[in-house]
Amino acid sequence: MRDEEFTLLGRNPVTEAFRAGKTIDRLFVQDGLHDGPISTILREAKKAGVKPEFVKKSRLDEIAGNENAASHQGVIAYLAAYHYSEVDEILEVAKEKGEDPFIFILDGIEDPHNLGAIIRTANLAGAHGVIIRERRAVGLTSTVAKTSAGALAYTKVAKVTNITKTIDELKDKGLWFVCADMGGESMYKLNLKGPIGLVIGNEGEGVSRLVHDRCDMIASIPMHGSIDSLNASVACGVLAYEIVRQRLNG
């Protein structure tokens, strides 16, 4: 379900949002439209670093809702509930605190309730920030903000176009990376101290292969029940607090 307060329908509202410097999470444009106002929106999107998603008119009608189907004029945008930070700003938080960086990297979380819960965990576990994927992932919607129970106001979240590239750049700055995977080694046997990035994958598919291969450690969470997996936000919390335990024990 879309957040009414953060959804812009129509060419003028979307154009003015870009020109006012609003943070646009996602931009949907009807495939095949190339007139002047649409070209203007695409130019503004390019300047803002927003990649448009070209979709069929039926998809826009679905997003807008039947009662508003005529008002989207071939373009819909989602505003972010909060502004995004840069990855370097997250590292700066760790530096200011005199701590080894501890960052959550989310590879395609799609459920806003999961993202909100993960941001809340990041704050409580002392992580310095969260990095999310730009495409095929939920952004900072009002549902995310509400689910984070206030943590979003205190936790930096960066959005990047390429998770693997970001991991490589952070490796060059001294971070190690661990991802959750049932086929990995027990998290209790791994050394999770020092500068670390905790990678959590998509709710259904897990961590993508390219991201999985970039990780230095693959951690499994011991399971003793009748089912074989945890909710993404719960798995994140379990692994995060094993990292906290090891950091506290020096």
C-alpha atoms as a PDB file:
ATOM      1  CA  MET A   1       0.000   0.000   0.000  1.00  0.00           C
ATOM      2  CA  ARG A   2       1.359   3.420  -0.940  1.00  0.00           C
ATOM      3  CA  ASP A   3       1.818   6.227   1.589  1.00  0.00           C
ATOM      4  CA  GLU A   4      -0.637   8.925   0.529  1.00  0.00           C
ATOM      5  CA  GLU A   5       1.347  11.715   2.165  1.00  0.00           C
ATOM      6  CA  PHE A   6       4.532  10.819   0.285  1.00  0.00           C
ATOM      7  CA  THR A   7       3.118  10.002  -3.167  1.00  0.00           C
ATOM      8  CA  LEU A   8       3.104  12.647  -5.892  1.00  0.00           C
ATOM      9  CA  LEU A   9       0.715  12.219  -8.831  1.00  0.00           C
ATOM     10  CA  GLY A  10       1.078  14.281 -11.990  1.00  0.00           C
ATOM     11  CA  ARG A  11       3.664  16.230 -13.919  1.00  0.00           C
ATOM     12  CA  ASN A  12       3.616  19.571 -12.110  1.00  0.00           C
ATOM     13  CA  PRO A  13       3.868  18.159  -8.543  1.00  0.00           C
ATOM     14  CA  VAL A  14       6.754  15.896  -9.545  1.00  0.00           C
ATOM     15  CA  THR A  15       8.594  18.653 -11.439  1.00  0.00           C
ATOM     16  CA  GLU A  16       8.229  21.089  -8.545  1.00  0.00           C
ATOM     17  CA  ALA A  17       9.420  18.478  -6.049  1.00  0.00           C
ATOM     18  CA  PHE A  18      12.638  18.011  -8.006  1.00  0.00           C
ATOM     19  CA  ARG A  19      13.162  21.753  -8.347  1.00  0.00           C
ATOM     20  CA  ALA A  20      12.538  22.262  -4.630  1.00  0.00           C
ATOM     21  CA  GLY A  21      15.273  19.752  -3.809  1.00  0.00           C
ATOM     22  CA  LYS A  22      12.950  17.144  -2.301  1.00  0.00           C
ATOM     23  CA  THR A  23      14.375  13.651  -1.894  1.00  0.00           C
ATOM     24  CA  ILE A  24      12.675  11.386  -4.440  1.00  0.00           C
ATOM     25  CA  ASP A  25      12.848   7.689  -3.613  1.00  0.00           C
ATOM     26  CA  ARG A  26      11.321   6.304  -6.800  1.00  0.00           C
ATOM     27  CA  LEU A  27      10.124   7.785 -10.068  1.00  0.00           C
ATOM     28  CA  PHE A  28       7.653   5.932 -12.302  1.00  0.00           C
ATOM     29  CA  VAL A  29       7.166   7.157 -15.881  1.00  0.00           C
ATOM     30  CA  GLN A  30       4.751   5.741 -18.419  1.00  0.00           C
ATOM     31  CA  ASP A  31       6.650   3.863 -21.087  1.00  0.00           C
ATOM     32  CA  GLY A  32       6.506   5.546 -24.479  1.00  0.00           C
ATOM     33  CA  LEU A  33       5.882   9.123 -23.303  1.00  0.00           C
ATOM     34  CA  HIS A  34       8.427  11.617 -24.668  1.00  0.00           C
ATOM     35  CA  ASP A  35       6.662  14.993 -24.681  1.00  0.00           C
ATOM     36  CA  GLY A  36       8.086  18.223 -23.298  1.00  0.00           C
ATOM     37  CA  PRO A  37       6.942  17.988 -19.648  1.00  0.00           C
ATOM     38  CA  ILE A  38       8.096  14.368 -19.396  1.00  0.00           C
ATOM     39  CA  SER A  39      11.482  15.306 -20.899  1.00  0.00           C
ATOM     40  CA  THR A  40      11.773  18.063 -18.295  1.00  0.00           C
ATOM     41  CA  ILE A  41      11.073  15.605 -15.488  1.00  0.00           C
ATOM     42  CA  LEU A  42      13.657  13.173 -16.853  1.00  0.00           C
ATOM     43  CA  ARG A  43      16.262  15.971 -16.980  1.00  0.00           C
ATOM     44  CA  GLU A  44      15.497  16.960 -13.391  1.00  0.00           C
ATOM     45  CA  ALA A  45      15.694  13.308 -12.341  1.00  0.00           C
ATOM     46  CA  LYS A  46      19.103  12.928 -13.988  1.00  0.00           C
ATOM     47  CA  LYS A  47      20.404  16.016 -12.175  1.00  0.00           C
ATOM     48  CA  ALA A  48      19.125  14.589  -8.879  1.00  0.00           C
ATOM     49  CA  GLY A  49      20.651  11.166  -9.524  1.00  0.00           C
ATOM     50  CA  VAL A  50      17.244   9.463  -9.645  1.00  0.00           C
ATOM     51  CA  LYS A  51      16.845   6.651 -12.175  1.00  0.00           C
ATOM     52  CA  PRO A  52      13.328   6.518 -13.619  1.00  0.00           C
ATOM     53  CA  GLU A  53      11.405   3.267 -13.850  1.00  0.00           C
ATOM     54  CA  PHE A  54       9.498   3.039 -17.128  1.00  0.00           C
ATOM     55  CA  VAL A  55       6.252   1.126 -16.633  1.00  0.00           C
ATOM     56  CA  LYS A  56       2.964   0.474 -18.382  1.00  0.00           C
ATOM     57  CA  LYS A  57       0.017   2.807 -17.837  1.00  0.00           C
ATOM     58  CA  SER A  58      -1.813   0.000 -16.028  1.00  0.00           C
ATOM     59  CA  ARG A  59       0.948  -0.044 -13.383  1.00  0.00           C
ATOM     60  CA  LEU A  60       0.575   3.699 -12.812  1.00  0.00           C
ATOM     61  CA  ASP A  61      -3.204   3.307 -12.583  1.00  0.00           C
ATOM     62  CA  GLU A  62      -2.678   0.610  -9.958  1.00  0.00           C
ATOM     63  CA  ILE A  63      -0.349   2.793  -7.885  1.00  0.00           C
ATOM     64  CA  ALA A  64      -2.631   5.822  -8.117  1.00  0.00           C
ATOM     65  CA  GLY A  65      -5.782   3.865  -7.347  1.00  0.00           C
ATOM     66  CA  ASN A  66      -8.838   3.702  -9.552  1.00  0.00           C
ATOM     67  CA  GLU A  67     -10.263   6.957  -8.235  1.00  0.00           C
ATOM     68  CA  ASN A  68      -7.029   8.820  -9.111  1.00  0.00           C
ATOM     69  CA  ALA A  69      -6.080   6.980 -12.301  1.00  0.00           C
ATOM     70  CA  ALA A  70      -6.663  10.020 -14.504  1.00  0.00           C
ATOM     71  CA  SER A  71      -4.562  12.350 -12.337  1.00  0.00           C
ATOM     72  CA  HIS A  72      -1.111  10.776 -12.677  1.00  0.00           C
ATOM     73  CA  GLN A  73      -0.605  12.076 -16.255  1.00  0.00           C
ATOM     74  CA  GLY A  74       1.969   9.398 -16.913  1.00  0.00           C
ATOM     75  CA  VAL A  75       4.212  10.102 -13.916  1.00  0.00           C
ATOM     76  CA  ILE A  76       4.255   9.213 -10.207  1.00  0.00           C
ATOM     77  CA  ALA A  77       6.985   9.819  -7.639  1.00  0.00           C
ATOM     78  CA  TYR A  78       7.545   8.614  -4.095  1.00  0.00           C
ATOM     79  CA  LEU A  79       9.047  11.124  -1.697  1.00  0.00           C
ATOM     80  CA  ALA A  80      11.379   9.850   1.019  1.00  0.00           C
ATOM     81  CA  ALA A  81      10.162  10.383   4.579  1.00  0.00           C
ATOM     82  CA  TYR A  82      13.738  11.299   5.586  1.00  0.00           C
ATOM     83  CA  HIS A  83      16.813  12.548   3.782  1.00  0.00           C
ATOM     84  CA  TYR A  84      19.531  10.056   2.946  1.00  0.00           C
ATOM     85  CA  SER A  85      23.107  10.318   4.178  1.00  0.00           C
ATOM     86  CA  GLU A  86      26.322   9.542   2.317  1.00  0.00           C
ATOM     87  CA  VAL A  87      28.392   6.445   3.098  1.00  0.00           C
ATOM     88  CA  ASP A  88      31.281   8.666   4.204  1.00  0.00           C
ATOM     89  CA  GLU A  89      28.991  10.317   6.754  1.00  0.00           C
ATOM     90  CA  ILE A  90      28.378   6.907   8.333  1.00  0.00           C
ATOM     91  CA  LEU A  91      32.125   6.314   8.577  1.00  0.00           C
ATOM     92  CA  GLU A  92      32.526   9.770  10.111  1.00  0.00           C
ATOM     93  CA  VAL A  93      30.121   8.817  12.928  1.00  0.00           C
ATOM     94  CA  ALA A  94      32.384   5.887  13.826  1.00  0.00           C
ATOM     95  CA  LYS A  95      35.455   8.125  13.682  1.00  0.00           C
ATOM     96  CA  GLU A  96      33.886  10.744  15.942  1.00  0.00           C
ATOM     97  CA  LYS A  97      33.041   8.044  18.486  1.00  0.00           C
ATOM     98  CA  GLY A  98      36.509   6.513  18.282  1.00  0.00           C
ATOM     99  CA  GLU A  99      35.025   3.140  17.333  1.00  0.00           C
ATOM    100  CA  ASP A 100      35.648   0.580  14.621  1.00  0.00           C
ATOM    101  CA  PRO A 101      32.976   1.024  11.937  1.00  0.00           C
ATOM    102  CA  PHE A 102      29.917  -1.214  12.310  1.00  0.00           C
ATOM    103  CA  ILE A 103      27.551  -0.938   9.345  1.00  0.00           C
ATOM    104  CA  PHE A 104      24.457  -2.817   8.194  1.00  0.00           C
ATOM    105  CA  ILE A 105      24.308  -3.452   4.420  1.00  0.00           C
ATOM    106  CA  LEU A 106      20.900  -4.502   3.111  1.00  0.00           C
ATOM    107  CA  ASP A 107      20.820  -6.299  -0.224  1.00  0.00           C
ATOM    108  CA  GLY A 108      17.267  -5.826  -1.439  1.00  0.00           C
ATOM    109  CA  ILE A 109      14.991  -5.596   1.622  1.00  0.00           C
ATOM    110  CA  GLU A 110      11.504  -5.005   0.201  1.00  0.00           C
ATOM    111  CA  ASP A 111       9.217  -5.002   3.248  1.00  0.00           C
ATOM    112  CA  PRO A 112       9.032  -1.581   4.929  1.00  0.00           C
ATOM    113  CA  HIS A 113       8.299  -3.216   8.297  1.00  0.00           C
ATOM    114  CA  ASN A 114      11.507  -5.245   8.013  1.00  0.00           C
ATOM    115  CA  LEU A 115      13.524  -2.171   7.077  1.00  0.00           C
ATOM    116  CA  GLY A 116      12.071  -0.178   9.963  1.00  0.00           C
ATOM    117  CA  ALA A 117      12.818  -2.982  12.417  1.00  0.00           C
ATOM    118  CA  ILE A 118      16.381  -3.318  11.088  1.00  0.00           C
ATOM    119  CA  ILE A 119      17.015   0.425  11.464  1.00  0.00           C
ATOM    120  CA  ARG A 120      15.749   0.197  15.038  1.00  0.00           C
ATOM    121  CA  THR A 121      18.107  -2.738  15.707  1.00  0.00           C
ATOM    122  CA  ALA A 122      20.997  -0.832  14.133  1.00  0.00           C
ATOM    123  CA  ASN A 123      20.441   2.052  16.507  1.00  0.00           C
ATOM    124  CA  LEU A 124      20.111  -0.116  19.613  1.00  0.00           C
ATOM    125  CA  ALA A 125      23.108  -2.290  18.701  1.00  0.00           C
ATOM    126  CA  GLY A 126      25.334   0.738  18.252  1.00  0.00           C
ATOM    127  CA  ALA A 127      25.783   0.403  14.501  1.00  0.00           C
ATOM    128  CA  HIS A 128      26.947   3.593  12.849  1.00  0.00           C
ATOM    129  CA  GLY A 129      24.565   3.421   9.916  1.00  0.00           C
ATOM    130  CA  VAL A 130      22.648   1.402   7.360  1.00  0.00           C
ATOM    131  CA  ILE A 131      23.253   1.110   3.621  1.00  0.00           C
ATOM    132  CA  ILE A 132      20.383   0.125   1.331  1.00  0.00           C
ATOM    133  CA  ARG A 133      20.083  -0.661  -2.365  1.00  0.00           C
ATOM    134  CA  GLU A 134      18.490   1.853  -4.727  1.00  0.00           C
ATOM    135  CA  ARG A 135      16.686  -0.558  -7.058  1.00  0.00           C
ATOM    136  CA  ARG A 136      14.243  -3.335  -6.158  1.00  0.00           C
ATOM    137  CA  ALA A 137      14.247  -2.379  -2.503  1.00  0.00           C
ATOM    138  CA  VAL A 138      12.104  -0.307  -0.172  1.00  0.00           C
ATOM    139  CA  GLY A 139      13.218   3.238   0.636  1.00  0.00           C
ATOM    140  CA  LEU A 140      12.583   5.496   3.616  1.00  0.00           C
ATOM    141  CA  THR A 141       8.796   5.545   3.528  1.00  0.00           C
ATOM    142  CA  SER A 142       6.573   6.751   6.342  1.00  0.00           C
ATOM    143  CA  THR A 143       5.862   3.099   7.225  1.00  0.00           C
ATOM    144  CA  VAL A 144       9.602   2.541   7.671  1.00  0.00           C
ATOM    145  CA  ALA A 145       9.824   5.631   9.860  1.00  0.00           C
ATOM    146  CA  LYS A 146       6.910   4.502  12.039  1.00  0.00           C
ATOM    147  CA  THR A 147       8.219   0.940  12.377  1.00  0.00           C
ATOM    148  CA  SER A 148      11.656   2.182  13.393  1.00  0.00           C
ATOM    149  CA  ALA A 149       9.948   3.689  16.470  1.00  0.00           C
ATOM    150  CA  GLY A 150      11.972   6.894  16.245  1.00  0.00           C
ATOM    151  CA  ALA A 151      15.325   5.284  15.436  1.00  0.00           C
ATOM    152  CA  LEU A 152      15.358   6.699  11.905  1.00  0.00           C
ATOM    153  CA  ALA A 153      15.806  10.173  13.351  1.00  0.00           C
ATOM    154  CA  TYR A 154      19.092   9.055  14.945  1.00  0.00           C
ATOM    155  CA  THR A 155      20.421   6.506  12.437  1.00  0.00           C
ATOM    156  CA  LYS A 156      22.105   7.459   9.179  1.00  0.00           C
ATOM    157  CA  VAL A 157      20.841   5.608   6.106  1.00  0.00           C
ATOM    158  CA  ALA A 158      22.661   5.768   2.778  1.00  0.00           C
ATOM    159  CA  LYS A 159      21.232   4.593  -0.543  1.00  0.00           C
ATOM    160  CA  VAL A 160      23.628   3.283  -3.209  1.00  0.00           C
ATOM    161  CA  THR A 161      23.195   2.092  -6.775  1.00  0.00           C
ATOM    162  CA  ASN A 162      25.663  -0.796  -6.511  1.00  0.00           C
ATOM    163  CA  ILE A 163      26.070  -2.786  -3.292  1.00  0.00           C
ATOM    164  CA  THR A 164      29.060  -4.817  -4.545  1.00  0.00           C
ATOM    165  CA  LYS A 165      30.947  -1.677  -5.549  1.00  0.00           C
ATOM    166  CA  THR A 166      30.204  -0.114  -2.163  1.00  0.00           C
ATOM    167  CA  ILE A 167      31.491  -3.231  -0.380  1.00  0.00           C
ATOM    168  CA  ASP A 168      34.709  -3.094  -2.439  1.00  0.00           C
ATOM    169  CA  GLU A 169      35.184   0.587  -1.551  1.00  0.00           C
ATOM    170  CA  LEU A 170      34.613  -0.113   2.141  1.00  0.00           C
ATOM    171  CA  LYS A 171      37.043  -3.043   2.029  1.00  0.00           C
ATOM    172  CA  ASP A 172      39.678  -0.594   0.803  1.00  0.00           C
ATOM    173  CA  LYS A 173      38.955   1.376   3.981  1.00  0.00           C
ATOM    174  CA  GLY A 174      39.578  -1.639   6.210  1.00  0.00           C
ATOM    175  CA  LEU A 175      36.140  -3.204   6.722  1.00  0.00           C
ATOM    176  CA  TRP A 176      35.440  -6.945   6.746  1.00  0.00           C
ATOM    177  CA  PHE A 177      32.085  -8.305   5.683  1.00  0.00           C
ATOM    178  CA  VAL A 178      29.897 -11.085   7.023  1.00  0.00           C
ATOM    179  CA  CYS A 179      26.620 -12.197   5.481  1.00  0.00           C
ATOM    180  CA  ALA A 180      23.868 -14.445   6.742  1.00  0.00           C
ATOM    181  CA  ASP A 181      23.420 -17.736   4.901  1.00  0.00           C
ATOM    182  CA  MET A 182      22.174 -21.126   6.075  1.00  0.00           C
ATOM    183  CA  GLY A 183      25.118 -22.807   4.361  1.00  0.00           C
ATOM    184  CA  GLY A 184      27.732 -20.850   6.293  1.00  0.00           C
ATOM    185  CA  GLU A 185      29.735 -21.521   9.427  1.00  0.00           C
ATOM    186  CA  SER A 186      28.117 -21.109  12.837  1.00  0.00           C
ATOM    187  CA  MET A 187      28.257 -17.466  13.863  1.00  0.00           C
ATOM    188  CA  TYR A 188      29.663 -18.535  17.231  1.00  0.00           C
ATOM    189  CA  LYS A 189      32.820 -19.842  15.538  1.00  0.00           C
ATOM    190  CA  LEU A 190      33.561 -16.652  13.607  1.00  0.00           C
ATOM    191  CA  ASN A 191      35.707 -13.702  14.656  1.00  0.00           C
ATOM    192  CA  LEU A 192      33.345 -10.765  14.193  1.00  0.00           C
ATOM    193  CA  LYS A 193      35.477  -8.132  15.903  1.00  0.00           C
ATOM    194  CA  GLY A 194      36.979  -5.044  14.306  1.00  0.00           C
ATOM    195  CA  PRO A 195      35.618  -2.880  11.469  1.00  0.00           C
ATOM    196  CA  ILE A 196      32.709  -4.892  10.093  1.00  0.00           C
ATOM    197  CA  GLY A 197      29.778  -4.783   7.727  1.00  0.00           C
ATOM    198  CA  LEU A 198      26.803  -7.044   8.397  1.00  0.00           C
ATOM    199  CA  VAL A 199      25.096  -8.013   5.119  1.00  0.00           C
ATOM    200  CA  ILE A 200      21.439  -9.085   5.117  1.00  0.00           C
ATOM    201  CA  GLY A 201      19.719 -10.288   1.950  1.00  0.00           C
ATOM    202  CA  ASN A 202      16.289 -10.124   0.402  1.00  0.00           C
ATOM    203  CA  GLU A 203      13.404 -11.697   2.333  1.00  0.00           C
ATOM    204  CA  GLY A 204      12.838 -14.425  -0.265  1.00  0.00           C
ATOM    205  CA  GLU A 205      16.080 -14.876  -2.196  1.00  0.00           C
ATOM    206  CA  GLY A 206      18.656 -13.992   0.431  1.00  0.00           C
ATOM    207  CA  VAL A 207      21.961 -12.341  -0.451  1.00  0.00           C
ATOM    208  CA  SER A 208      22.602 -12.078  -4.198  1.00  0.00           C
ATOM    209  CA  ARG A 209      25.453 -14.174  -5.597  1.00  0.00           C
ATOM    210  CA  LEU A 210      27.712 -11.219  -6.425  1.00  0.00           C
ATOM    211  CA  VAL A 211      27.328  -9.768  -2.936  1.00  0.00           C
ATOM    212  CA  HIS A 212      27.691 -13.214  -1.320  1.00  0.00           C
ATOM    213  CA  ASP A 213      31.012 -13.720  -3.118  1.00  0.00           C
ATOM    214  CA  ARG A 214      32.307 -10.348  -1.867  1.00  0.00           C
ATOM    215  CA  CYS A 215      31.786 -11.295   1.780  1.00  0.00           C
ATOM    216  CA  ASP A 216      34.776 -12.454   3.836  1.00  0.00           C
ATOM    217  CA  MET A 217      32.689 -14.621   6.169  1.00  0.00           C
ATOM    218  CA  ILE A 218      29.437 -16.530   5.746  1.00  0.00           C
ATOM    219  CA  ALA A 219      27.550 -16.933   9.017  1.00  0.00           C
ATOM    220  CA  SER A 220      24.761 -19.349   9.806  1.00  0.00           C
ATOM    221  CA  ILE A 221      22.436 -19.030  12.779  1.00  0.00           C
ATOM    222  CA  PRO A 222      21.893 -22.337  14.635  1.00  0.00           C
ATOM    223  CA  MET A 223      18.339 -23.586  14.097  1.00  0.00           C
ATOM    224  CA  HIS A 224      16.619 -26.128  16.338  1.00  0.00           C
ATOM    225  CA  GLY A 225      12.979 -25.854  15.277  1.00  0.00           C
ATOM    226  CA  SER A 226      10.795 -27.376  12.599  1.00  0.00           C
ATOM    227  CA  ILE A 227      11.335 -24.565  10.077  1.00  0.00           C
ATOM    228  CA  ASP A 228      14.643 -23.570   8.568  1.00  0.00           C
ATOM    229  CA  SER A 229      14.757 -19.787   8.371  1.00  0.00           C
ATOM    230  CA  LEU A 230      14.201 -16.577  10.311  1.00  0.00           C
ATOM    231  CA  ASN A 231      12.529 -13.361   9.226  1.00  0.00           C
ATOM    232  CA  ALA A 232      15.148 -11.012   7.721  1.00  0.00           C
ATOM    233  CA  SER A 233      14.899  -8.448  10.503  1.00  0.00           C
ATOM    234  CA  VAL A 234      15.095 -11.139  13.205  1.00  0.00           C
ATOM    235  CA  ALA A 235      18.144 -12.764  11.565  1.00  0.00           C
ATOM    236  CA  CYS A 236      19.738  -9.325  11.390  1.00  0.00           C
ATOM    237  CA  GLY A 237      19.101  -8.776  15.099  1.00  0.00           C
ATOM    238  CA  VAL A 238      20.550 -12.153  16.110  1.00  0.00           C
ATOM    239  CA  LEU A 239      23.749 -11.633  14.126  1.00  0.00           C
ATOM    240  CA  ALA A 240      24.053  -7.996  15.160  1.00  0.00           C
ATOM    241  CA  TYR A 241      24.035  -8.899  18.831  1.00  0.00           C
ATOM    242  CA  GLU A 242      26.642 -11.610  18.351  1.00  0.00           C
ATOM    243  CA  ILE A 243      28.815  -8.843  16.895  1.00  0.00           C
ATOM    244  CA  VAL A 244      27.942  -6.647  19.893  1.00  0.00           C
ATOM    245  CA  ARG A 245      28.855  -9.476  22.301  1.00  0.00           C
ATOM    246  CA  GLN A 246      32.237  -9.942  20.699  1.00  0.00           C
ATOM    247  CA  ARG A 247      32.939  -6.211  20.582  1.00  0.00           C
ATOM    248  CA  LEU A 248      32.099  -5.894  24.276  1.00  0.00           C
ATOM    249  CA  ASN A 249      34.429  -8.776  25.126  1.00  0.00           C
ATOM    250  CA  GLY A 250      37.289  -7.095  23.341  1.00  0.00           C
END
